[in-house]
Amino acid sequence: MLEIKKETWFISDPHLFHDKIIKYCDRPTNYHELIIINWNQLVLPEDDIVCLGDMFLAKSNKYLTAKEQFLDILPLLRGNKYLILGNHNKKKFLESCGFTIIAGDGIKPKWYIWSDGKILIYFSHRYLSDEVYLNHKQGIFNVHGHRHEKEDISPAHINISVEQTMYRPIRFGEILEEIKRRMNK
């Protein structure tokens, strides 16, 4: 069972091997390498890392299937890998790769909850709107991905898609600092 600590890493929407994402989201052409390098410079083998969906999306090329491409790079990515399923994820395949599925699109629960009694966070792939009550002044937040380069839709939403984090995982401690800043605004 995942226990989220300040040292826990988070990332969302790497979309590894999704070549069209370069155009859709104005990503650098070497975004795959940036994510892999940043991931391994930060995450230690014993660290926990949670992906908020869309780990990879690939088409087969003439040499490798999409799954083979992903399986080639997966051993390079350090850490104990947890996943909230995104709209481009296949549950059985990612479980077979060693990911622990904790929530996500198309399954229950749809989100993963963390609270310390003062702050309540819903972690999800897509941003939550009508499903739950959110209020940044009361410490109720949604940390999500899916929106890529788009701004947060409210002060209670924190988009951690890789476009927002310079293509690197971020620590839960960083997320908590941002939440506290927004609560005091």
C-alpha atoms as a PDB file:
ATOM      1  CA  MET A   1       0.000   0.000   0.000  1.00  0.00           C
ATOM      2  CA  LEU A   2       1.273   3.425  -0.929  1.00  0.00           C
ATOM      3  CA  GLU A   3       2.060   5.774   1.930  1.00  0.00           C
ATOM      4  CA  ILE A   4       2.525   9.290   0.566  1.00  0.00           C
ATOM      5  CA  LYS A   5       5.343  11.164   2.316  1.00  0.00           C
ATOM      6  CA  LYS A   6       7.044  14.484   1.548  1.00  0.00           C
ATOM      7  CA  GLU A   7       9.747  12.457  -0.262  1.00  0.00           C
ATOM      8  CA  THR A   8       7.281  10.687  -2.582  1.00  0.00           C
ATOM      9  CA  TRP A   9       7.711  11.648  -6.237  1.00  0.00           C
ATOM     10  CA  PHE A  10       4.891  12.535  -8.653  1.00  0.00           C
ATOM     11  CA  ILE A  11       4.758  12.881 -12.426  1.00  0.00           C
ATOM     12  CA  SER A  12       1.902  13.091 -14.903  1.00  0.00           C
ATOM     13  CA  ASP A  13       1.408  12.614 -18.618  1.00  0.00           C
ATOM     14  CA  PRO A  14       4.860  11.587 -19.828  1.00  0.00           C
ATOM     15  CA  HIS A  15       3.223  10.154 -22.994  1.00  0.00           C
ATOM     16  CA  LEU A  16       6.449   8.358 -23.816  1.00  0.00           C
ATOM     17  CA  PHE A  17       6.711   7.517 -27.531  1.00  0.00           C
ATOM     18  CA  HIS A  18       3.677   9.626 -28.451  1.00  0.00           C
ATOM     19  CA  ASP A  19       5.180  11.540 -31.346  1.00  0.00           C
ATOM     20  CA  LYS A  20       2.093  13.684 -32.008  1.00  0.00           C
ATOM     21  CA  ILE A  21       2.284  15.139 -28.495  1.00  0.00           C
ATOM     22  CA  ILE A  22       5.293  17.167 -29.658  1.00  0.00           C
ATOM     23  CA  LYS A  23       2.996  19.131 -31.953  1.00  0.00           C
ATOM     24  CA  TYR A  24      -0.120  19.063 -29.727  1.00  0.00           C
ATOM     25  CA  CYS A  25       1.628  20.443 -26.661  1.00  0.00           C
ATOM     26  CA  ASP A  26       4.653  22.165 -28.159  1.00  0.00           C
ATOM     27  CA  ARG A  27       7.056  19.741 -26.487  1.00  0.00           C
ATOM     28  CA  PRO A  28      10.742  19.657 -27.340  1.00  0.00           C
ATOM     29  CA  THR A  29      11.600  16.892 -29.813  1.00  0.00           C
ATOM     30  CA  ASN A  30      13.835  15.231 -27.199  1.00  0.00           C
ATOM     31  CA  TYR A  31      11.141  15.150 -24.500  1.00  0.00           C
ATOM     32  CA  HIS A  32      11.542  11.353 -24.047  1.00  0.00           C
ATOM     33  CA  GLU A  33      15.189  11.783 -23.124  1.00  0.00           C
ATOM     34  CA  LEU A  34      14.453  14.793 -20.898  1.00  0.00           C
ATOM     35  CA  ILE A  35      11.892  12.830 -18.882  1.00  0.00           C
ATOM     36  CA  ILE A  36      14.123   9.744 -18.529  1.00  0.00           C
ATOM     37  CA  ILE A  37      17.214  11.764 -17.573  1.00  0.00           C
ATOM     38  CA  ASN A  38      15.307  13.987 -15.123  1.00  0.00           C
ATOM     39  CA  TRP A  39      13.525  10.984 -13.610  1.00  0.00           C
ATOM     40  CA  ASN A  40      16.787   9.137 -12.959  1.00  0.00           C
ATOM     41  CA  GLN A  41      18.677  12.187 -11.694  1.00  0.00           C
ATOM     42  CA  LEU A  42      16.010  12.645  -9.017  1.00  0.00           C
ATOM     43  CA  VAL A  43      14.398   9.298  -8.192  1.00  0.00           C
ATOM     44  CA  LEU A  44      16.410   6.703  -6.272  1.00  0.00           C
ATOM     45  CA  PRO A  45      15.749   2.963  -6.735  1.00  0.00           C
ATOM     46  CA  GLU A  46      14.083   2.750  -3.301  1.00  0.00           C
ATOM     47  CA  ASP A  47      11.875   5.852  -3.787  1.00  0.00           C
ATOM     48  CA  ASP A  48       8.146   5.730  -4.480  1.00  0.00           C
ATOM     49  CA  ILE A  49       6.944   7.489  -7.622  1.00  0.00           C
ATOM     50  CA  VAL A  50       3.320   8.002  -8.606  1.00  0.00           C
ATOM     51  CA  CYS A  51       2.326   8.698 -12.210  1.00  0.00           C
ATOM     52  CA  LEU A  52      -1.031  10.442 -12.537  1.00  0.00           C
ATOM     53  CA  GLY A  53      -1.730   8.764 -15.856  1.00  0.00           C
ATOM     54  CA  ASP A  54      -0.740   8.450 -19.482  1.00  0.00           C
ATOM     55  CA  MET A  55       2.676   6.939 -18.904  1.00  0.00           C
ATOM     56  CA  PHE A  56       3.097   6.038 -22.552  1.00  0.00           C
ATOM     57  CA  LEU A  57       1.224   6.127 -25.815  1.00  0.00           C
ATOM     58  CA  ALA A  58       3.014   4.667 -28.748  1.00  0.00           C
ATOM     59  CA  LYS A  59       2.415   3.356 -32.188  1.00  0.00           C
ATOM     60  CA  SER A  60       4.415   0.449 -33.436  1.00  0.00           C
ATOM     61  CA  ASN A  61       7.301   1.326 -35.683  1.00  0.00           C
ATOM     62  CA  LYS A  62       8.731  -1.008 -38.303  1.00  0.00           C
ATOM     63  CA  TYR A  63      11.156  -2.476 -35.753  1.00  0.00           C
ATOM     64  CA  LEU A  64       9.314  -2.630 -32.415  1.00  0.00           C
ATOM     65  CA  THR A  65       5.753  -2.762 -31.151  1.00  0.00           C
ATOM     66  CA  ALA A  66       4.645   0.027 -28.815  1.00  0.00           C
ATOM     67  CA  LYS A  67       4.823  -2.365 -25.873  1.00  0.00           C
ATOM     68  CA  GLU A  68       8.349  -3.432 -26.827  1.00  0.00           C
ATOM     69  CA  GLN A  69       9.442   0.217 -27.005  1.00  0.00           C
ATOM     70  CA  PHE A  70       8.040   0.865 -23.535  1.00  0.00           C
ATOM     71  CA  LEU A  71       9.482  -2.356 -22.094  1.00  0.00           C
ATOM     72  CA  ASP A  72      12.915  -1.350 -23.433  1.00  0.00           C
ATOM     73  CA  ILE A  73      12.991   1.862 -21.398  1.00  0.00           C
ATOM     74  CA  LEU A  74      11.023   0.771 -18.319  1.00  0.00           C
ATOM     75  CA  PRO A  75      14.050  -0.834 -16.582  1.00  0.00           C
ATOM     76  CA  LEU A  76      15.839   2.506 -16.946  1.00  0.00           C
ATOM     77  CA  LEU A  77      13.239   4.273 -14.780  1.00  0.00           C
ATOM     78  CA  ARG A  78      14.072   4.059 -11.083  1.00  0.00           C
ATOM     79  CA  GLY A  79      11.735   3.685  -8.149  1.00  0.00           C
ATOM     80  CA  ASN A  80       8.702   1.776  -6.938  1.00  0.00           C
ATOM     81  CA  LYS A  81       6.126   2.715  -9.565  1.00  0.00           C
ATOM     82  CA  TYR A  82       2.493   3.490  -8.745  1.00  0.00           C
ATOM     83  CA  LEU A  83      -0.085   4.587 -11.278  1.00  0.00           C
ATOM     84  CA  ILE A  84      -3.400   6.346 -11.429  1.00  0.00           C
ATOM     85  CA  LEU A  85      -4.734   5.202 -14.788  1.00  0.00           C
ATOM     86  CA  GLY A  86      -5.134   7.840 -17.460  1.00  0.00           C
ATOM     87  CA  ASN A  87      -7.294   7.845 -20.551  1.00  0.00           C
ATOM     88  CA  HIS A  88      -4.437   6.347 -22.630  1.00  0.00           C
ATOM     89  CA  ASN A  89      -3.460   3.521 -20.254  1.00  0.00           C
ATOM     90  CA  LYS A  90      -4.041  -0.230 -20.396  1.00  0.00           C
ATOM     91  CA  LYS A  91      -4.433  -1.583 -16.850  1.00  0.00           C
ATOM     92  CA  LYS A  92      -3.397  -5.211 -17.410  1.00  0.00           C
ATOM     93  CA  PHE A  93      -0.334  -4.285 -19.472  1.00  0.00           C
ATOM     94  CA  LEU A  94       0.939  -1.720 -16.963  1.00  0.00           C
ATOM     95  CA  GLU A  95       0.359  -4.099 -14.050  1.00  0.00           C
ATOM     96  CA  SER A  96       2.380  -6.717 -15.933  1.00  0.00           C
ATOM     97  CA  CYS A  97       5.182  -4.123 -16.210  1.00  0.00           C
ATOM     98  CA  GLY A  98       5.372  -3.762 -12.438  1.00  0.00           C
ATOM     99  CA  PHE A  99       3.159  -0.741 -11.841  1.00  0.00           C
ATOM    100  CA  THR A 100       0.841  -0.852  -8.846  1.00  0.00           C
ATOM    101  CA  ILE A 101      -2.495   0.613  -9.967  1.00  0.00           C
ATOM    102  CA  ILE A 102      -4.015   2.694  -7.156  1.00  0.00           C
ATOM    103  CA  ALA A 103      -6.929   4.461  -8.934  1.00  0.00           C
ATOM    104  CA  GLY A 104      -7.875   5.969 -12.260  1.00  0.00           C
ATOM    105  CA  ASP A 105     -10.020   6.499 -15.309  1.00  0.00           C
ATOM    106  CA  GLY A 106     -12.431   3.663 -15.929  1.00  0.00           C
ATOM    107  CA  ILE A 107     -11.914   1.952 -12.558  1.00  0.00           C
ATOM    108  CA  LYS A 108     -12.912   2.519  -8.955  1.00  0.00           C
ATOM    109  CA  PRO A 109     -11.727   4.400  -7.110  1.00  0.00           C
ATOM    110  CA  LYS A 110     -11.280   7.138  -9.692  1.00  0.00           C
ATOM    111  CA  TRP A 111      -8.965   9.113  -7.399  1.00  0.00           C
ATOM    112  CA  TYR A 112      -6.523   8.560  -4.538  1.00  0.00           C
ATOM    113  CA  ILE A 113      -7.027  10.580  -1.353  1.00  0.00           C
ATOM    114  CA  TRP A 114      -4.421  11.974   1.060  1.00  0.00           C
ATOM    115  CA  SER A 115      -5.133  14.032   4.173  1.00  0.00           C
ATOM    116  CA  ASP A 116      -3.302  15.238   7.241  1.00  0.00           C
ATOM    117  CA  GLY A 117      -6.448  16.598   8.925  1.00  0.00           C
ATOM    118  CA  LYS A 118      -5.868  20.149   7.655  1.00  0.00           C
ATOM    119  CA  ILE A 119      -5.386  19.504   3.942  1.00  0.00           C
ATOM    120  CA  LEU A 120      -7.361  17.079   1.784  1.00  0.00           C
ATOM    121  CA  ILE A 121      -5.982  16.162  -1.646  1.00  0.00           C
ATOM    122  CA  TYR A 122      -7.666  14.184  -4.394  1.00  0.00           C
ATOM    123  CA  PHE A 123      -5.026  12.810  -6.773  1.00  0.00           C
ATOM    124  CA  SER A 124      -6.489  11.980 -10.197  1.00  0.00           C
ATOM    125  CA  HIS A 125      -5.598  11.853 -13.862  1.00  0.00           C
ATOM    126  CA  ARG A 126      -8.302  14.182 -15.153  1.00  0.00           C
ATOM    127  CA  TYR A 127      -9.184  17.283 -13.175  1.00  0.00           C
ATOM    128  CA  LEU A 128     -12.216  16.899 -10.942  1.00  0.00           C
ATOM    129  CA  SER A 129     -15.053  19.383 -11.277  1.00  0.00           C
ATOM    130  CA  ASP A 130     -18.523  18.324 -10.162  1.00  0.00           C
ATOM    131  CA  GLU A 131     -17.492  14.998  -8.597  1.00  0.00           C
ATOM    132  CA  VAL A 132     -16.092  16.472  -5.371  1.00  0.00           C
ATOM    133  CA  TYR A 133     -16.174  19.691  -3.390  1.00  0.00           C
ATOM    134  CA  LEU A 134     -12.930  21.664  -3.745  1.00  0.00           C
ATOM    135  CA  ASN A 135     -12.004  24.863  -1.910  1.00  0.00           C
ATOM    136  CA  HIS A 136      -8.443  26.170  -1.694  1.00  0.00           C
ATOM    137  CA  LYS A 137      -9.210  28.377   1.323  1.00  0.00           C
ATOM    138  CA  GLN A 138     -10.466  25.317   3.221  1.00  0.00           C
ATOM    139  CA  GLY A 139      -7.507  23.165   2.110  1.00  0.00           C
ATOM    140  CA  ILE A 140      -9.389  20.883  -0.294  1.00  0.00           C
ATOM    141  CA  PHE A 141      -7.398  20.358  -3.514  1.00  0.00           C
ATOM    142  CA  ASN A 142      -7.232  18.277  -6.672  1.00  0.00           C
ATOM    143  CA  VAL A 143      -3.740  17.414  -7.945  1.00  0.00           C
ATOM    144  CA  HIS A 144      -4.065  16.121 -11.486  1.00  0.00           C
ATOM    145  CA  GLY A 145      -2.638  15.915 -14.985  1.00  0.00           C
ATOM    146  CA  HIS A 146      -4.379  15.564 -18.360  1.00  0.00           C
ATOM    147  CA  ARG A 147      -4.440  19.310 -19.129  1.00  0.00           C
ATOM    148  CA  HIS A 148      -0.776  19.345 -20.241  1.00  0.00           C
ATOM    149  CA  GLU A 149       0.240  22.927 -21.053  1.00  0.00           C
ATOM    150  CA  LYS A 150      -3.035  24.528 -19.911  1.00  0.00           C
ATOM    151  CA  GLU A 151      -3.301  26.700 -16.812  1.00  0.00           C
ATOM    152  CA  ASP A 152      -4.973  25.512 -13.614  1.00  0.00           C
ATOM    153  CA  ILE A 153      -8.752  25.861 -13.844  1.00  0.00           C
ATOM    154  CA  SER A 154      -9.063  27.156 -10.269  1.00  0.00           C
ATOM    155  CA  PRO A 155      -6.844  27.830  -7.242  1.00  0.00           C
ATOM    156  CA  ALA A 156      -7.951  24.420  -5.872  1.00  0.00           C
ATOM    157  CA  HIS A 157      -6.609  22.566  -8.937  1.00  0.00           C
ATOM    158  CA  ILE A 158      -2.904  21.855  -9.381  1.00  0.00           C
ATOM    159  CA  ASN A 159      -1.875  20.571 -12.810  1.00  0.00           C
ATOM    160  CA  ILE A 160       1.368  18.582 -12.601  1.00  0.00           C
ATOM    161  CA  SER A 161       1.558  17.457 -16.236  1.00  0.00           C
ATOM    162  CA  VAL A 162       5.208  17.312 -17.315  1.00  0.00           C
ATOM    163  CA  GLU A 163       4.750  20.528 -19.304  1.00  0.00           C
ATOM    164  CA  GLN A 164       4.141  22.261 -15.938  1.00  0.00           C
ATOM    165  CA  THR A 165       7.122  20.684 -14.144  1.00  0.00           C
ATOM    166  CA  MET A 166       9.882  21.116 -16.730  1.00  0.00           C
ATOM    167  CA  TYR A 167       9.621  17.422 -17.721  1.00  0.00           C
ATOM    168  CA  ARG A 168      10.673  16.182 -14.297  1.00  0.00           C
ATOM    169  CA  PRO A 169       9.023  14.433 -11.356  1.00  0.00           C
ATOM    170  CA  ILE A 170       8.233  16.627  -8.360  1.00  0.00           C
ATOM    171  CA  ARG A 171       8.259  15.735  -4.683  1.00  0.00           C
ATOM    172  CA  PHE A 172       5.087  15.704  -2.647  1.00  0.00           C
ATOM    173  CA  GLY A 173       6.794  18.278  -0.402  1.00  0.00           C
ATOM    174  CA  GLU A 174       6.835  20.699  -3.360  1.00  0.00           C
ATOM    175  CA  ILE A 175       3.124  20.098  -3.921  1.00  0.00           C
ATOM    176  CA  LEU A 176       2.408  20.773  -0.233  1.00  0.00           C
ATOM    177  CA  GLU A 177       4.378  24.037  -0.384  1.00  0.00           C
ATOM    178  CA  GLU A 178       2.273  25.186  -3.353  1.00  0.00           C
ATOM    179  CA  ILE A 179      -0.931  24.182  -1.552  1.00  0.00           C
ATOM    180  CA  LYS A 180       0.057  26.153   1.562  1.00  0.00           C
ATOM    181  CA  ARG A 181       0.911  29.160  -0.602  1.00  0.00           C
ATOM    182  CA  ARG A 182      -2.524  28.999  -2.269  1.00  0.00           C
ATOM    183  CA  MET A 183      -4.322  28.549   1.058  1.00  0.00           C
ATOM    184  CA  ASN A 184      -2.729  31.768   2.349  1.00  0.00           C
ATOM    185  CA  LYS A 185      -3.474  33.846  -0.757  1.00  0.00           C
END
